[in-house]
Amino acid sequence: MDLHQLARSVLIPLFVLNMAAIATTLYMKKNIRPEFSANINKVFFAENIIGIIIVLALACISFFVK
């Protein structure tokens, strides 16, 4: 499997899934009690880090691989 196929079959679906998870977490964050907000913040932070890693991998593949 070459890198373009990896990006199309794995990284782009992971990116879409991560964005849906972030939207769901933001929706949950609005409706949650304040004592549980620290846990939601940790989940949101982890989702953002995963999203940054996926975007960097997609950028490296699209710009540096011929």
Protein backbone atom coordinates (compact mmCIF):
# COMPACT_ATOMS: atom_id res chain seq x y z
CA MET A 1 0.00 0.00 0.00
CA ASP A 2 1.51 3.32 -1.02
CA LEU A 3 1.14 6.51 1.00
CA HIS A 4 -1.57 8.09 -1.18
CA GLN A 5 -3.73 5.03 -0.74
CA LEU A 6 -3.06 5.12 3.01
CA ALA A 7 -4.19 8.73 3.14
CA ARG A 8 -7.36 8.00 1.19
CA SER A 9 -8.34 4.83 2.99
CA VAL A 10 -7.20 5.49 6.57
CA LEU A 11 -6.26 9.08 7.37
CA ILE A 12 -9.17 10.93 5.75
CA PRO A 13 -11.85 8.72 7.40
CA LEU A 14 -10.02 9.11 10.73
CA PHE A 15 -10.02 12.88 10.25
CA VAL A 16 -13.77 12.93 9.56
CA LEU A 17 -14.42 10.69 12.56
CA ASN A 18 -12.27 12.92 14.77
CA MET A 19 -14.15 16.04 13.68
CA ALA A 20 -17.46 14.32 14.50
CA ALA A 21 -16.09 13.37 17.93
CA ILE A 22 -15.03 16.96 18.57
CA ALA A 23 -18.50 18.23 17.58
CA THR A 24 -20.11 15.67 19.88
CA THR A 25 -17.83 16.63 22.75
CA LEU A 26 -18.65 20.30 22.26
CA TYR A 27 -22.36 19.46 22.34
CA MET A 28 -21.88 17.43 25.53
CA LYS A 29 -19.82 20.23 27.05
CA LYS A 30 -22.77 22.61 26.83
CA ASN A 31 -25.12 20.23 28.67
CA ILE A 32 -22.87 18.83 31.40
CA ARG A 33 -22.68 19.70 35.06
CA PRO A 34 -19.64 21.72 36.18
CA GLU A 35 -18.18 18.94 38.34
CA PHE A 36 -17.65 16.76 35.25
CA SER A 37 -16.26 19.49 33.03
CA ALA A 38 -12.63 18.63 33.85
CA ASN A 39 -13.07 15.15 32.36
CA ILE A 40 -14.67 16.57 29.21
CA ASN A 41 -11.83 19.07 28.89
CA LYS A 42 -9.29 16.22 28.99
CA VAL A 43 -11.19 14.32 26.30
CA PHE A 44 -11.45 17.46 24.17
CA PHE A 45 -7.71 18.10 24.53
CA ALA A 46 -6.90 14.51 23.51
CA GLU A 47 -9.18 14.79 20.47
CA ASN A 48 -7.44 17.99 19.41
CA ILE A 49 -4.00 16.39 19.72
CA ILE A 50 -5.15 13.39 17.64
CA GLY A 51 -6.59 15.79 15.04
CA ILE A 52 -3.32 17.72 14.82
CA ILE A 53 -1.37 14.49 14.30
CA ILE A 54 -3.73 13.38 11.52
CA VAL A 55 -3.55 16.76 9.79
CA LEU A 56 0.24 16.79 9.97
CA ALA A 57 0.39 13.28 8.49
CA LEU A 58 -1.95 14.32 5.65
CA ALA A 59 0.12 17.45 5.03
CA CYS A 60 3.38 15.50 4.89
CA ILE A 61 1.89 13.01 2.48
CA SER A 62 0.33 15.63 0.22
CA PHE A 63 3.30 18.02 0.07
CA PHE A 64 6.38 15.86 0.33
CA VAL A 65 5.49 12.54 -1.35
CA LYS A 66 5.47 12.41 -5.13
